[in-house]
């Protein structure tokens, strides 16, 4: 999983305006929160090619929250959205995705052990 970047309040506001509201035509971000609405990470797709409807998937979870299934659940929800309502055709994995827990990755995404 990718590393989390800590931003100052000004940096976070600039990032939010650029990537979330009004957002980008090629990137889609979602915040991941725990049951108490504490932010624990983000899941996103990047570099959307509107002609081929292909994008790159990425997930980032704060280290202390890893191993609790947040990333797996968020990725499954993002994939459901991307291939369903959004109409995506191909999702590529960002290199950071290959650093995920191998067993969880195989089980959740390829359904083999």
Protein backbone atom coordinates (compact mmCIF):
# COMPACT_ATOMS: atom_id res chain seq x y z
CA UNK A 1 0.00 0.00 0.00
CA UNK A 2 1.12 3.50 -0.60
CA UNK A 3 2.41 5.73 2.11
CA UNK A 4 0.27 8.43 3.67
CA UNK A 5 1.34 12.03 3.16
CA UNK A 6 0.68 14.49 5.98
CA UNK A 7 -0.33 17.93 4.76
CA UNK A 8 -0.67 21.28 6.44
CA UNK A 9 -4.18 22.74 6.51
CA UNK A 10 -3.37 25.01 3.53
CA UNK A 11 -1.84 22.14 1.54
CA UNK A 12 -4.85 19.92 2.31
CA UNK A 13 -7.27 22.62 1.15
CA UNK A 14 -5.35 23.13 -2.11
CA UNK A 15 -5.26 19.34 -2.68
CA UNK A 16 -8.99 19.07 -1.95
CA UNK A 17 -9.87 21.84 -4.42
CA UNK A 18 -7.64 20.32 -7.10
CA UNK A 19 -8.63 16.66 -6.67
CA UNK A 20 -12.06 16.51 -5.01
CA UNK A 21 -14.14 19.67 -5.38
CA UNK A 22 -14.45 20.54 -8.19
CA UNK A 23 -12.13 17.62 -8.82
CA UNK A 24 -10.39 16.23 -11.80
CA UNK A 25 -11.67 14.64 -15.00
CA UNK A 26 -9.16 11.80 -14.64
CA UNK A 27 -8.87 11.12 -10.88
CA UNK A 28 -11.47 9.99 -8.32
CA UNK A 29 -10.74 9.92 -4.58
CA UNK A 30 -12.66 8.53 -1.59
CA UNK A 31 -11.78 8.87 2.07
CA UNK A 32 -11.73 5.66 4.14
CA UNK A 33 -12.98 5.99 7.73
CA UNK A 34 -13.36 3.57 10.62
CA UNK A 35 -16.61 2.92 12.53
CA UNK A 36 -16.05 6.13 14.53
CA UNK A 37 -15.63 8.21 11.34
CA UNK A 38 -11.89 8.60 11.98
CA UNK A 39 -10.06 8.92 8.64
CA UNK A 40 -7.76 5.92 8.14
CA UNK A 41 -6.80 6.31 4.47
CA UNK A 42 -7.99 6.80 0.91
CA UNK A 43 -8.89 4.71 -2.10
CA UNK A 44 -8.75 6.15 -5.60
CA UNK A 45 -8.43 5.63 -9.28
CA UNK A 46 -6.12 7.78 -11.36
CA UNK A 47 -5.23 8.58 -14.93
CA UNK A 48 -8.63 7.68 -16.35
CA UNK A 49 -8.52 7.30 -20.11
CA UNK A 50 -12.06 8.19 -21.21
CA UNK A 51 -11.63 6.53 -24.61
CA UNK A 52 -10.72 3.12 -23.20
CA UNK A 53 -12.30 3.64 -19.74
CA UNK A 54 -9.07 2.41 -18.17
CA UNK A 55 -7.66 3.71 -14.88
CA UNK A 56 -5.11 2.90 -12.16
CA UNK A 57 -6.27 1.77 -8.72
CA UNK A 58 -4.58 2.89 -5.53
CA UNK A 59 -5.23 2.59 -1.80
CA UNK A 60 -3.41 4.16 1.14
CA UNK A 61 -4.00 3.15 4.76
CA UNK A 62 -2.28 4.70 7.77
CA UNK A 63 0.15 2.12 9.16
CA UNK A 64 -1.53 1.79 12.57
CA UNK A 65 -4.85 0.87 10.87
CA UNK A 66 -3.48 -1.76 8.49
CA UNK A 67 -4.52 -5.37 8.92
CA UNK A 68 -8.12 -4.51 9.82
CA UNK A 69 -9.65 -4.99 6.38
CA UNK A 70 -10.14 -1.29 5.63
CA UNK A 71 -8.12 -1.43 2.42
CA UNK A 72 -9.72 -4.63 1.15
CA UNK A 73 -13.26 -3.36 1.75
CA UNK A 74 -12.51 0.03 0.22
CA UNK A 75 -10.93 -1.51 -2.87
CA UNK A 76 -13.90 -3.83 -3.39
CA UNK A 77 -16.30 -0.89 -3.08
CA UNK A 78 -14.21 1.17 -5.52
CA UNK A 79 -14.11 -1.71 -8.02
CA UNK A 80 -17.88 -2.22 -7.71
CA UNK A 81 -18.39 1.49 -8.43
CA UNK A 82 -15.82 1.65 -11.24
CA UNK A 83 -17.07 -1.39 -13.18
CA UNK A 84 -20.74 -0.79 -12.34
CA UNK A 85 -22.18 2.69 -12.08
CA UNK A 86 -19.12 4.46 -13.53
CA UNK A 87 -18.87 2.16 -16.56
CA UNK A 88 -15.14 1.43 -16.36
CA UNK A 89 -13.65 -1.38 -18.46
CA UNK A 90 -10.09 -1.95 -17.22
CA UNK A 91 -8.51 -1.22 -13.85
CA UNK A 92 -4.75 -1.41 -13.54
CA UNK A 93 -2.94 -1.73 -10.24
CA UNK A 94 -0.63 1.04 -9.10
CA UNK A 95 2.79 -0.35 -8.10
CA UNK A 96 2.01 0.36 -4.44
CA UNK A 97 -0.88 -2.13 -4.64
CA UNK A 98 1.60 -4.99 -5.04
CA UNK A 99 2.91 -4.22 -1.54
CA UNK A 100 -0.42 -5.23 0.00
CA UNK A 101 -0.74 -8.27 2.24
CA UNK A 102 -0.25 -11.03 -0.32
CA UNK A 103 -2.70 -13.50 1.18
CA UNK A 104 -5.46 -10.91 1.49
CA UNK A 105 -4.76 -9.68 -2.02
CA UNK A 106 -4.97 -13.17 -3.54
CA UNK A 107 -8.07 -14.11 -1.58
CA UNK A 108 -10.07 -10.94 -2.14
CA UNK A 109 -9.12 -10.09 -5.69
CA UNK A 110 -8.27 -13.38 -7.39
CA UNK A 111 -10.20 -15.82 -5.18
CA UNK A 112 -7.37 -18.31 -4.78
CA UNK A 113 -5.06 -19.08 -1.89
